Amino acid sequence: MTKLYSRLALAIISCLAIFASCTSNSNDQTKSTAMLDTVSLSGKNFALAYQDGQKIVATSIDTMKQISFGGATDPSISPDGNKLAYTVSDSTGNRSIWVADLENKSQLQLHADSKNYYGAVWSADGTNIAFSVLNDKNIWKIGLVKHDNTGLIILDSQSNINVSSPTWKSENEIVAHDLNNLYTFNRSGKITDTKRLKDLIGTNYNIASDNSFFYADKGDKIIFSAYSGNAMPELHGKANVVFSMDVSSKGVKQISPVGMNVSNLFVTADDRIFFSGAEKPFTQSKIYVSDLSGNIKTVVDKGTNPTGALK
């Protein structure tokens, strides 16, 4: 398959420098940039965004059009394929989320009242963005903001529960975990459901903070990644694996191939499972897409951290 990182010879535009500071009193912080180095074709939407080293690439699924950003991480393409959220880090370790319009090339920083927030995920209707944010008590929470940078809410803001890896359960619900429990939040920030992970998926899986849980098939399945199986010498531990669990029967099926170590997982609202993974010797990661039945195709020959727009 043609490698997606081979760019089209589109017109080069001037670099767009953006300031990564989240506060107004950070005059001595070092500026960071996310540089949009190619121009999109007017009226064309994008289907996939992924990481290629320190560069983000947004592309059509057939690779015929591409946009790339330098100096950015954590790509998150909007469901309509017109916008891209991403993380910018500065020299002091602060992180902030920016949103770029892929057609008119405008960029704006999301406001979160924090110096450390990252990992944007779009709601299926494209109106809201959820993300991880460190509050003033050094507790990780989930932020929620509208796509136009208004209506910021910190979910469950008063508790001491650290949560990570938010995903959208439905249009009005967000899930995140604290390694022991999977929490469901409504848009007003209240916890509406708590499930112990051991009760939900069993005890054969090791969960890290960056493992995600996605509800699919109208809520009947949970797609998740976890460390499982025998330790691999090359990895100095277990491989990270993508699984699908039937909510009713608790039956679990492995989605990613045996012997693969998965680095990132993303599930679209129309139930396509994107993940990046590497096989022995684990030196290069590819991006794959699967349906709920486990039919897998390779879509990118070199890349990590994929997200997809809706069909």
C-alpha atoms as a PDB file:
ATOM      1  CA  MET A   1       0.000   0.000   0.000  1.00  0.00           C
ATOM      2  CA  THR A   2       1.225   3.508  -0.779  1.00  0.00           C
ATOM      3  CA  LYS A   3       2.728   5.065   2.311  1.00  0.00           C
ATOM      4  CA  LEU A   4       0.677   7.952   3.600  1.00  0.00           C
ATOM      5  CA  TYR A   5       3.716   9.900   4.651  1.00  0.00           C
ATOM      6  CA  SER A   6       4.661  10.572   1.032  1.00  0.00           C
ATOM      7  CA  ARG A   7       3.172  14.022   0.639  1.00  0.00           C
ATOM      8  CA  LEU A   8       1.486  15.590  -2.325  1.00  0.00           C
ATOM      9  CA  ALA A   9       3.369  18.434  -3.941  1.00  0.00           C
ATOM     10  CA  LEU A  10       0.986  21.041  -2.620  1.00  0.00           C
ATOM     11  CA  ALA A  11       1.833  24.710  -2.229  1.00  0.00           C
ATOM     12  CA  ILE A  12       3.906  25.507   0.829  1.00  0.00           C
ATOM     13  CA  ILE A  13       2.548  28.229   3.073  1.00  0.00           C
ATOM     14  CA  SER A  14       4.319  30.285   5.672  1.00  0.00           C
ATOM     15  CA  CYS A  15       4.704  28.822   9.155  1.00  0.00           C
ATOM     16  CA  LEU A  16       1.966  29.653  11.612  1.00  0.00           C
ATOM     17  CA  ALA A  17       3.574  30.113  15.018  1.00  0.00           C
ATOM     18  CA  ILE A  18       1.353  29.611  18.037  1.00  0.00           C
ATOM     19  CA  PHE A  19       2.075  30.295  21.673  1.00  0.00           C
ATOM     20  CA  ALA A  20       1.648  27.289  23.936  1.00  0.00           C
ATOM     21  CA  SER A  21       1.184  29.124  27.247  1.00  0.00           C
ATOM     22  CA  CYS A  22      -2.187  28.712  28.951  1.00  0.00           C
ATOM     23  CA  THR A  23      -1.911  31.707  31.277  1.00  0.00           C
ATOM     24  CA  SER A  24      -1.606  35.433  30.839  1.00  0.00           C
ATOM     25  CA  ASN A  25       1.347  35.821  33.231  1.00  0.00           C
ATOM     26  CA  SER A  26       3.839  33.569  31.429  1.00  0.00           C
ATOM     27  CA  ASN A  27       5.981  36.155  29.676  1.00  0.00           C
ATOM     28  CA  ASP A  28       9.212  34.177  30.218  1.00  0.00           C
ATOM     29  CA  GLN A  29       7.958  30.882  28.790  1.00  0.00           C
ATOM     30  CA  THR A  30       9.420  29.587  25.557  1.00  0.00           C
ATOM     31  CA  LYS A  31       7.177  29.660  22.537  1.00  0.00           C
ATOM     32  CA  SER A  32       6.257  26.428  20.787  1.00  0.00           C
ATOM     33  CA  THR A  33       5.030  26.090  17.272  1.00  0.00           C
ATOM     34  CA  ALA A  34       2.720  23.867  15.316  1.00  0.00           C
ATOM     35  CA  MET A  35       3.435  24.480  11.681  1.00  0.00           C
ATOM     36  CA  LEU A  36       0.877  23.829   8.981  1.00  0.00           C
ATOM     37  CA  ASP A  37       3.120  23.151   5.999  1.00  0.00           C
ATOM     38  CA  THR A  38       0.718  22.183   3.230  1.00  0.00           C
ATOM     39  CA  VAL A  39      -2.564  23.542   1.934  1.00  0.00           C
ATOM     40  CA  SER A  40      -5.783  21.531   1.773  1.00  0.00           C
ATOM     41  CA  LEU A  41      -7.867  21.294  -1.349  1.00  0.00           C
ATOM     42  CA  SER A  42     -10.940  23.505  -1.116  1.00  0.00           C
ATOM     43  CA  GLY A  43     -14.119  21.657  -0.209  1.00  0.00           C
ATOM     44  CA  LYS A  44     -12.329  18.380   0.547  1.00  0.00           C
ATOM     45  CA  ASN A  45     -12.733  16.690   3.929  1.00  0.00           C
ATOM     46  CA  PHE A  46     -10.174  14.476   5.627  1.00  0.00           C
ATOM     47  CA  ALA A  47     -10.754  10.958   6.893  1.00  0.00           C
ATOM     48  CA  LEU A  48      -7.779  10.116   9.097  1.00  0.00           C
ATOM     49  CA  ALA A  49      -5.194  11.824  11.287  1.00  0.00           C
ATOM     50  CA  TYR A  50      -2.159  10.170  12.804  1.00  0.00           C
ATOM     51  CA  GLN A  51       1.271  10.767  14.311  1.00  0.00           C
ATOM     52  CA  ASP A  52       4.480  10.428  12.297  1.00  0.00           C
ATOM     53  CA  GLY A  53       7.264  11.151  14.771  1.00  0.00           C
ATOM     54  CA  GLN A  54       6.840  14.756  15.928  1.00  0.00           C
ATOM     55  CA  LYS A  55       4.566  15.473  12.985  1.00  0.00           C
ATOM     56  CA  ILE A  56       0.813  15.040  12.582  1.00  0.00           C
ATOM     57  CA  VAL A  57      -0.618  14.066   9.213  1.00  0.00           C
ATOM     58  CA  ALA A  58      -4.267  14.505   8.233  1.00  0.00           C
ATOM     59  CA  THR A  59      -5.155  12.654   5.062  1.00  0.00           C
ATOM     60  CA  SER A  60      -7.900  11.258   2.916  1.00  0.00           C
ATOM     61  CA  ILE A  61      -8.220   7.506   3.203  1.00  0.00           C
ATOM     62  CA  ASP A  62      -6.903   7.111  -0.364  1.00  0.00           C
ATOM     63  CA  THR A  63      -3.840   9.339   0.416  1.00  0.00           C
ATOM     64  CA  MET A  64      -4.705  11.726  -2.438  1.00  0.00           C
ATOM     65  CA  LYS A  65      -4.715  14.807  -0.218  1.00  0.00           C
ATOM     66  CA  GLN A  66      -2.793  15.570   2.953  1.00  0.00           C
ATOM     67  CA  ILE A  67      -2.027  18.250   5.504  1.00  0.00           C
ATOM     68  CA  SER A  68       0.817  17.972   8.008  1.00  0.00           C
ATOM     69  CA  PHE A  69       1.668  19.759  11.258  1.00  0.00           C
ATOM     70  CA  GLY A  70       5.125  19.921  12.810  1.00  0.00           C
ATOM     71  CA  GLY A  71       5.705  20.254  16.546  1.00  0.00           C
ATOM     72  CA  ALA A  72       2.359  18.795  17.595  1.00  0.00           C
ATOM     73  CA  THR A  73       1.111  15.540  19.124  1.00  0.00           C
ATOM     74  CA  ASP A  74      -2.150  13.774  20.067  1.00  0.00           C
ATOM     75  CA  PRO A  75      -4.085  14.294  16.815  1.00  0.00           C
ATOM     76  CA  SER A  76      -7.878  14.201  17.011  1.00  0.00           C
ATOM     77  CA  ILE A  77      -9.777  14.760  13.786  1.00  0.00           C
ATOM     78  CA  SER A  78     -13.352  16.047  14.019  1.00  0.00           C
ATOM     79  CA  PRO A  79     -16.190  13.719  12.926  1.00  0.00           C
ATOM     80  CA  ASP A  80     -16.818  15.784   9.780  1.00  0.00           C
ATOM     81  CA  GLY A  81     -13.117  15.790   8.851  1.00  0.00           C
ATOM     82  CA  ASN A  82     -12.889  19.585   8.763  1.00  0.00           C
ATOM     83  CA  LYS A  83     -11.049  20.314  12.026  1.00  0.00           C
ATOM     84  CA  LEU A  84      -8.096  18.896  13.891  1.00  0.00           C
ATOM     85  CA  ALA A  85      -7.413  19.158  17.622  1.00  0.00           C
ATOM     86  CA  TYR A  86      -3.854  18.539  18.810  1.00  0.00           C
ATOM     87  CA  THR A  87      -1.483  19.076  21.732  1.00  0.00           C
ATOM     88  CA  VAL A  88       1.408  21.548  21.803  1.00  0.00           C
ATOM     89  CA  SER A  89       4.123  21.314  24.484  1.00  0.00           C
ATOM     90  CA  ASP A  90       6.502  24.075  25.517  1.00  0.00           C
ATOM     91  CA  SER A  91      10.057  23.891  26.843  1.00  0.00           C
ATOM     92  CA  THR A  92       8.899  23.846  30.487  1.00  0.00           C
ATOM     93  CA  GLY A  93       6.716  20.787  30.017  1.00  0.00           C
ATOM     94  CA  ASN A  94       3.376  22.582  29.858  1.00  0.00           C
ATOM     95  CA  ARG A  95       0.820  21.236  27.391  1.00  0.00           C
ATOM     96  CA  SER A  96      -2.156  22.889  25.730  1.00  0.00           C
ATOM     97  CA  ILE A  97      -4.770  21.924  23.157  1.00  0.00           C
ATOM     98  CA  TRP A  98      -5.244  23.784  19.898  1.00  0.00           C
ATOM     99  CA  VAL A  99      -7.833  23.382  17.147  1.00  0.00           C
ATOM    100  CA  ALA A 100      -7.050  24.013  13.484  1.00  0.00           C
ATOM    101  CA  ASP A 101      -9.560  24.487  10.705  1.00  0.00           C
ATOM    102  CA  LEU A 102      -8.203  22.311   7.906  1.00  0.00           C
ATOM    103  CA  GLU A 103      -9.734  24.454   5.176  1.00  0.00           C
ATOM    104  CA  ASN A 104      -9.011  28.043   6.175  1.00  0.00           C
ATOM    105  CA  LYS A 105      -5.898  27.157   8.243  1.00  0.00           C
ATOM    106  CA  SER A 106      -6.990  29.179  11.289  1.00  0.00           C
ATOM    107  CA  GLN A 107      -5.805  27.984  14.695  1.00  0.00           C
ATOM    108  CA  LEU A 108      -7.098  28.658  18.197  1.00  0.00           C
ATOM    109  CA  GLN A 109      -6.073  27.566  21.672  1.00  0.00           C
ATOM    110  CA  LEU A 110      -8.695  25.950  23.876  1.00  0.00           C
ATOM    111  CA  HIS A 111      -8.970  27.550  27.302  1.00  0.00           C
ATOM    112  CA  ALA A 112      -8.837  25.215  30.300  1.00  0.00           C
ATOM    113  CA  ASP A 113      -7.591  27.290  33.280  1.00  0.00           C
ATOM    114  CA  SER A 114      -4.559  24.984  33.504  1.00  0.00           C
ATOM    115  CA  LYS A 115      -0.969  24.775  32.316  1.00  0.00           C
ATOM    116  CA  ASN A 116      -1.268  21.083  31.537  1.00  0.00           C
ATOM    117  CA  TYR A 117      -4.098  19.718  29.412  1.00  0.00           C
ATOM    118  CA  TYR A 118      -3.990  17.370  26.440  1.00  0.00           C
ATOM    119  CA  GLY A 119      -5.616  14.444  24.605  1.00  0.00           C
ATOM    120  CA  ALA A 120      -8.677  15.979  22.931  1.00  0.00           C
ATOM    121  CA  VAL A 121     -11.571  13.728  21.849  1.00  0.00           C
ATOM    122  CA  TRP A 122     -14.542  15.009  19.839  1.00  0.00           C
ATOM    123  CA  SER A 123     -18.174  14.201  20.501  1.00  0.00           C
ATOM    124  CA  ALA A 124     -19.869  12.401  17.599  1.00  0.00           C
ATOM    125  CA  ASP A 125     -21.783  15.539  16.607  1.00  0.00           C
ATOM    126  CA  GLY A 126     -18.591  17.627  16.635  1.00  0.00           C
ATOM    127  CA  THR A 127     -19.971  20.195  19.068  1.00  0.00           C
ATOM    128  CA  ASN A 128     -17.886  19.339  22.139  1.00  0.00           C
ATOM    129  CA  ILE A 129     -14.333  18.304  23.001  1.00  0.00           C
ATOM    130  CA  ALA A 130     -13.347  16.315  26.087  1.00  0.00           C
ATOM    131  CA  PHE A 131      -9.746  16.178  27.319  1.00  0.00           C
ATOM    132  CA  SER A 132      -7.473  15.421  30.289  1.00  0.00           C
ATOM    133  CA  VAL A 133      -6.605  18.402  32.480  1.00  0.00           C
ATOM    134  CA  LEU A 134      -4.490  18.864  35.611  1.00  0.00           C
ATOM    135  CA  ASN A 135      -6.263  21.052  38.157  1.00  0.00           C
ATOM    136  CA  ASP A 136      -4.755  23.368  40.767  1.00  0.00           C
ATOM    137  CA  LYS A 137      -4.653  20.491  43.291  1.00  0.00           C
ATOM    138  CA  ASN A 138      -2.527  18.393  40.896  1.00  0.00           C
ATOM    139  CA  ILE A 139      -5.431  16.016  40.305  1.00  0.00           C
ATOM    140  CA  TRP A 140      -6.189  14.796  36.797  1.00  0.00           C
ATOM    141  CA  LYS A 141      -9.729  15.565  35.719  1.00  0.00           C
ATOM    142  CA  ILE A 142     -11.729  15.592  32.491  1.00  0.00           C
ATOM    143  CA  GLY A 143     -12.415  18.939  30.857  1.00  0.00           C
ATOM    144  CA  LEU A 144     -15.299  19.578  28.488  1.00  0.00           C
ATOM    145  CA  VAL A 145     -15.538  22.578  26.184  1.00  0.00           C
ATOM    146  CA  LYS A 146     -17.605  23.505  23.152  1.00  0.00           C
ATOM    147  CA  HIS A 147     -15.876  23.570  19.780  1.00  0.00           C
ATOM    148  CA  ASP A 148     -16.147  27.365  19.699  1.00  0.00           C
ATOM    149  CA  ASN A 149     -14.106  27.602  22.933  1.00  0.00           C
ATOM    150  CA  THR A 150     -17.037  28.395  25.242  1.00  0.00           C
ATOM    151  CA  GLY A 151     -18.797  26.631  28.100  1.00  0.00           C
ATOM    152  CA  LEU A 152     -15.776  25.070  29.848  1.00  0.00           C
ATOM    153  CA  ILE A 153     -16.730  22.465  32.473  1.00  0.00           C
ATOM    154  CA  ILE A 154     -14.441  20.330  34.645  1.00  0.00           C
ATOM    155  CA  LEU A 155     -16.207  17.039  35.300  1.00  0.00           C
ATOM    156  CA  ASP A 156     -16.497  15.940  38.938  1.00  0.00           C
ATOM    157  CA  SER A 157     -14.374  18.945  39.822  1.00  0.00           C
ATOM    158  CA  GLN A 158     -14.639  18.779  43.627  1.00  0.00           C
ATOM    159  CA  SER A 159     -13.584  15.175  44.281  1.00  0.00           C
ATOM    160  CA  ASN A 160     -10.048  13.843  44.766  1.00  0.00           C
ATOM    161  CA  ILE A 161     -10.461  11.122  42.130  1.00  0.00           C
ATOM    162  CA  ASN A 162      -7.770  11.109  39.419  1.00  0.00           C
ATOM    163  CA  VAL A 163      -9.197  10.019  36.070  1.00  0.00           C
ATOM    164  CA  SER A 164      -7.632   9.602  32.637  1.00  0.00           C
ATOM    165  CA  SER A 165      -8.184   8.589  28.995  1.00  0.00           C
ATOM    166  CA  PRO A 166     -11.648  10.073  28.360  1.00  0.00           C
ATOM    167  CA  THR A 167     -13.837   8.763  25.541  1.00  0.00           C
ATOM    168  CA  TRP A 168     -17.427   9.413  24.509  1.00  0.00           C
ATOM    169  CA  LYS A 169     -19.926   6.737  25.565  1.00  0.00           C
ATOM    170  CA  SER A 170     -22.778   8.565  23.824  1.00  0.00           C
ATOM    171  CA  GLU A 171     -23.656  12.093  22.725  1.00  0.00           C
ATOM    172  CA  ASN A 172     -24.263  13.058  26.348  1.00  0.00           C
ATOM    173  CA  GLU A 173     -21.936  10.777  28.311  1.00  0.00           C
ATOM    174  CA  ILE A 174     -18.177  10.511  28.778  1.00  0.00           C
ATOM    175  CA  VAL A 175     -16.235   7.638  30.335  1.00  0.00           C
ATOM    176  CA  ALA A 176     -12.803   7.694  31.981  1.00  0.00           C
ATOM    177  CA  HIS A 177     -10.977   5.495  34.480  1.00  0.00           C
ATOM    178  CA  ASP A 178      -8.647   5.639  37.483  1.00  0.00           C
ATOM    179  CA  LEU A 179      -7.015   2.208  36.898  1.00  0.00           C
ATOM    180  CA  ASN A 180      -9.549   0.587  39.237  1.00  0.00           C
ATOM    181  CA  ASN A 181     -12.947   1.934  38.179  1.00  0.00           C
ATOM    182  CA  LEU A 182     -14.629   3.040  34.961  1.00  0.00           C
ATOM    183  CA  TYR A 183     -16.686   6.180  35.546  1.00  0.00           C
ATOM    184  CA  THR A 184     -19.504   7.557  33.436  1.00  0.00           C
ATOM    185  CA  PHE A 185     -20.053  11.331  33.504  1.00  0.00           C
ATOM    186  CA  ASN A 186     -22.899  13.382  32.094  1.00  0.00           C
ATOM    187  CA  ARG A 187     -22.270  16.716  30.375  1.00  0.00           C
ATOM    188  CA  SER A 188     -22.977  18.643  33.567  1.00  0.00           C
ATOM    189  CA  GLY A 189     -20.009  16.901  35.217  1.00  0.00           C
ATOM    190  CA  LYS A 190     -21.803  14.479  37.532  1.00  0.00           C
ATOM    191  CA  ILE A 191     -20.719  10.833  37.879  1.00  0.00           C
ATOM    192  CA  THR A 192     -23.757   8.770  36.884  1.00  0.00           C
ATOM    193  CA  ASP A 193     -22.233   5.277  36.983  1.00  0.00           C
ATOM    194  CA  THR A 194     -19.184   3.537  38.452  1.00  0.00           C
ATOM    195  CA  LYS A 195     -18.023   0.052  37.459  1.00  0.00           C
ATOM    196  CA  ARG A 196     -15.072  -1.796  38.980  1.00  0.00           C
ATOM    197  CA  LEU A 197     -12.767  -2.810  36.154  1.00  0.00           C
ATOM    198  CA  LYS A 198     -12.203  -6.240  37.705  1.00  0.00           C
ATOM    199  CA  ASP A 199     -15.938  -6.824  37.689  1.00  0.00           C
ATOM    200  CA  LEU A 200     -16.318  -5.419  34.192  1.00  0.00           C
ATOM    201  CA  ILE A 201     -13.511  -7.117  32.255  1.00  0.00           C
ATOM    202  CA  GLY A 202     -12.094  -9.656  34.699  1.00  0.00           C
ATOM    203  CA  THR A 203      -8.674 -10.020  36.260  1.00  0.00           C
ATOM    204  CA  ASN A 204      -6.555 -11.151  33.288  1.00  0.00           C
ATOM    205  CA  TYR A 205      -5.783  -7.637  32.091  1.00  0.00           C
ATOM    206  CA  ASN A 206      -3.380  -4.955  33.313  1.00  0.00           C
ATOM    207  CA  ILE A 207      -4.566  -1.395  32.747  1.00  0.00           C
ATOM    208  CA  ALA A 208      -2.341   1.670  32.402  1.00  0.00           C
ATOM    209  CA  SER A 209      -3.462   5.293  32.530  1.00  0.00           C
ATOM    210  CA  ASP A 210      -3.338   5.625  28.724  1.00  0.00           C
ATOM    211  CA  ASN A 211      -5.487   2.544  28.053  1.00  0.00           C
ATOM    212  CA  SER A 212      -8.895   3.592  26.748  1.00  0.00           C
ATOM    213  CA  PHE A 213     -12.421   2.164  26.881  1.00  0.00           C
ATOM    214  CA  PHE A 214     -14.833   2.786  24.000  1.00  0.00           C
ATOM    215  CA  TYR A 215     -18.496   1.823  23.897  1.00  0.00           C
ATOM    216  CA  ALA A 216     -19.577   0.509  20.479  1.00  0.00           C
ATOM    217  CA  ASP A 217     -22.427  -1.356  18.778  1.00  0.00           C
ATOM    218  CA  LYS A 218     -25.044   0.918  20.403  1.00  0.00           C
ATOM    219  CA  GLY A 219     -23.497   0.298  23.821  1.00  0.00           C
ATOM    220  CA  ASP A 220     -23.562  -3.501  23.539  1.00  0.00           C
ATOM    221  CA  LYS A 221     -19.768  -3.812  23.240  1.00  0.00           C
ATOM    222  CA  ILE A 222     -16.755  -2.269  24.931  1.00  0.00           C
ATOM    223  CA  ILE A 223     -13.563  -1.954  22.895  1.00  0.00           C
ATOM    224  CA  PHE A 224     -10.515  -1.577  25.118  1.00  0.00           C
ATOM    225  CA  SER A 225      -6.765  -2.056  25.211  1.00  0.00           C
ATOM    226  CA  ALA A 226      -4.873  -3.746  28.015  1.00  0.00           C
ATOM    227  CA  TYR A 227      -1.622  -5.536  28.762  1.00  0.00           C
ATOM    228  CA  SER A 228      -2.206  -9.256  28.525  1.00  0.00           C
ATOM    229  CA  GLY A 229      -0.623 -12.644  27.829  1.00  0.00           C
ATOM    230  CA  ASN A 230       2.914 -13.808  28.449  1.00  0.00           C
ATOM    231  CA  ALA A 231       5.784 -11.370  28.849  1.00  0.00           C
ATOM    232  CA  MET A 232       7.855 -10.723  25.719  1.00  0.00           C
ATOM    233  CA  PRO A 233      11.614 -10.322  26.207  1.00  0.00           C
ATOM    234  CA  GLU A 234      11.820  -7.624  23.522  1.00  0.00           C
ATOM    235  CA  LEU A 235       9.182  -5.553  25.354  1.00  0.00           C
ATOM    236  CA  HIS A 236      10.397  -6.332  28.870  1.00  0.00           C
ATOM    237  CA  GLY A 237       6.797  -7.147  29.715  1.00  0.00           C
ATOM    238  CA  LYS A 238       3.418  -8.021  28.281  1.00  0.00           C
ATOM    239  CA  ALA A 239       2.123  -6.732  24.965  1.00  0.00           C
ATOM    240  CA  ASN A 240      -0.678  -4.191  24.806  1.00  0.00           C
ATOM    241  CA  VAL A 241      -3.659  -5.802  23.055  1.00  0.00           C
ATOM    242  CA  VAL A 242      -7.017  -4.590  21.669  1.00  0.00           C
ATOM    243  CA  PHE A 243     -10.069  -6.512  22.883  1.00  0.00           C
ATOM    244  CA  SER A 244     -13.821  -6.435  22.295  1.00  0.00           C
ATOM    245  CA  MET A 245     -16.134  -7.386  25.152  1.00  0.00           C
ATOM    246  CA  ASP A 246     -19.837  -8.168  24.889  1.00  0.00           C
ATOM    247  CA  VAL A 247     -21.476  -6.201  27.694  1.00  0.00           C
ATOM    248  CA  SER A 248     -24.245  -8.756  28.290  1.00  0.00           C
ATOM    249  CA  SER A 249     -22.301 -12.012  28.157  1.00  0.00           C
ATOM    250  CA  LYS A 250     -18.922 -10.612  29.311  1.00  0.00           C
ATOM    251  CA  GLY A 251     -17.352 -12.616  26.479  1.00  0.00           C
ATOM    252  CA  VAL A 252     -14.020 -11.133  25.356  1.00  0.00           C
ATOM    253  CA  LYS A 253     -12.531 -11.409  21.853  1.00  0.00           C
ATOM    254  CA  GLN A 254      -9.047 -10.312  20.820  1.00  0.00           C
ATOM    255  CA  ILE A 255      -9.063  -7.842  17.916  1.00  0.00           C
ATOM    256  CA  SER A 256      -5.385  -7.036  17.338  1.00  0.00           C
ATOM    257  CA  PRO A 257      -3.237  -9.857  15.909  1.00  0.00           C
ATOM    258  CA  VAL A 258      -1.413 -12.239  18.244  1.00  0.00           C
ATOM    259  CA  GLY A 259       2.182 -11.096  18.755  1.00  0.00           C
ATOM    260  CA  MET A 260       1.465  -7.422  18.074  1.00  0.00           C
ATOM    261  CA  ASN A 261       2.112  -4.678  20.612  1.00  0.00           C
ATOM    262  CA  VAL A 262      -0.506  -1.940  20.275  1.00  0.00           C
ATOM    263  CA  SER A 263       0.508   1.631  21.020  1.00  0.00           C
ATOM    264  CA  ASN A 264      -2.789   3.503  20.483  1.00  0.00           C
ATOM    265  CA  LEU A 265      -6.494   2.753  20.084  1.00  0.00           C
ATOM    266  CA  PHE A 266      -9.377   4.836  18.724  1.00  0.00           C
ATOM    267  CA  VAL A 267     -12.949   3.822  17.906  1.00  0.00           C
ATOM    268  CA  THR A 268     -15.176   6.024  15.759  1.00  0.00           C
ATOM    269  CA  ALA A 269     -18.842   6.615  16.532  1.00  0.00           C
ATOM    270  CA  ASP A 270     -19.679   4.433  13.508  1.00  0.00           C
ATOM    271  CA  ASP A 271     -17.808   1.488  15.086  1.00  0.00           C
ATOM    272  CA  ARG A 272     -14.549   1.381  13.122  1.00  0.00           C
ATOM    273  CA  ILE A 273     -11.620   0.360  15.290  1.00  0.00           C
ATOM    274  CA  PHE A 274      -8.347   2.158  14.482  1.00  0.00           C
ATOM    275  CA  PHE A 275      -5.153   1.136  16.240  1.00  0.00           C
ATOM    276  CA  SER A 276      -1.402   1.399  15.770  1.00  0.00           C
ATOM    277  CA  GLY A 277       0.812  -1.543  16.516  1.00  0.00           C
ATOM    278  CA  ALA A 278       4.164  -3.182  15.852  1.00  0.00           C
ATOM    279  CA  GLU A 279       5.185  -6.796  15.434  1.00  0.00           C
ATOM    280  CA  LYS A 280       8.608  -8.271  16.158  1.00  0.00           C
ATOM    281  CA  PRO A 281      11.165  -6.760  16.321  1.00  0.00           C
ATOM    282  CA  PHE A 282       8.779  -3.941  17.385  1.00  0.00           C
ATOM    283  CA  THR A 283      10.749  -1.233  15.592  1.00  0.00           C
ATOM    284  CA  GLN A 284       8.068   0.192  13.290  1.00  0.00           C
ATOM    285  CA  SER A 285       4.413   0.751  13.973  1.00  0.00           C
ATOM    286  CA  LYS A 286       1.688   0.584  11.339  1.00  0.00           C
ATOM    287  CA  ILE A 287      -1.916   1.758  11.531  1.00  0.00           C
ATOM    288  CA  TYR A 288      -4.786  -0.662  11.077  1.00  0.00           C
ATOM    289  CA  VAL A 289      -8.559  -0.493  10.929  1.00  0.00           C
ATOM    290  CA  SER A 290     -10.922  -3.263  11.964  1.00  0.00           C
ATOM    291  CA  ASP A 291     -14.652  -3.816  12.096  1.00  0.00           C
ATOM    292  CA  LEU A 292     -16.362  -5.264  15.166  1.00  0.00           C
ATOM    293  CA  SER A 293     -15.921  -8.779  13.765  1.00  0.00           C
ATOM    294  CA  GLY A 294     -12.149  -8.434  13.679  1.00  0.00           C
ATOM    295  CA  ASN A 295     -11.633  -8.013   9.930  1.00  0.00           C
ATOM    296  CA  ILE A 296      -8.420  -5.981   9.806  1.00  0.00           C
ATOM    297  CA  LYS A 297      -6.835  -3.875   7.056  1.00  0.00           C
ATOM    298  CA  THR A 298      -3.581  -1.924   7.018  1.00  0.00           C
ATOM    299  CA  VAL A 299      -4.167   1.754   6.256  1.00  0.00           C
ATOM    300  CA  VAL A 300      -0.794   3.383   7.074  1.00  0.00           C
ATOM    301  CA  ASP A 301       2.630   1.758   6.687  1.00  0.00           C
ATOM    302  CA  LYS A 302       4.326   3.990   9.269  1.00  0.00           C
ATOM    303  CA  GLY A 303       2.544   5.859  12.028  1.00  0.00           C
ATOM    304  CA  THR A 304       0.973   5.886  15.480  1.00  0.00           C
ATOM    305  CA  ASN A 305      -1.895   7.515  17.366  1.00  0.00           C
ATOM    306  CA  PRO A 306      -4.660   7.302  14.729  1.00  0.00           C
ATOM    307  CA  THR A 307      -8.069   8.948  14.846  1.00  0.00           C
ATOM    308  CA  GLY A 308     -10.752   8.758  12.161  1.00  0.00           C
ATOM    309  CA  ALA A 309     -13.594  10.929  10.958  1.00  0.00           C
ATOM    310  CA  LEU A 310     -17.043   9.506  10.314  1.00  0.00           C
ATOM    311  CA  LYS A 311     -17.756   7.993   6.914  1.00  0.00           C
END
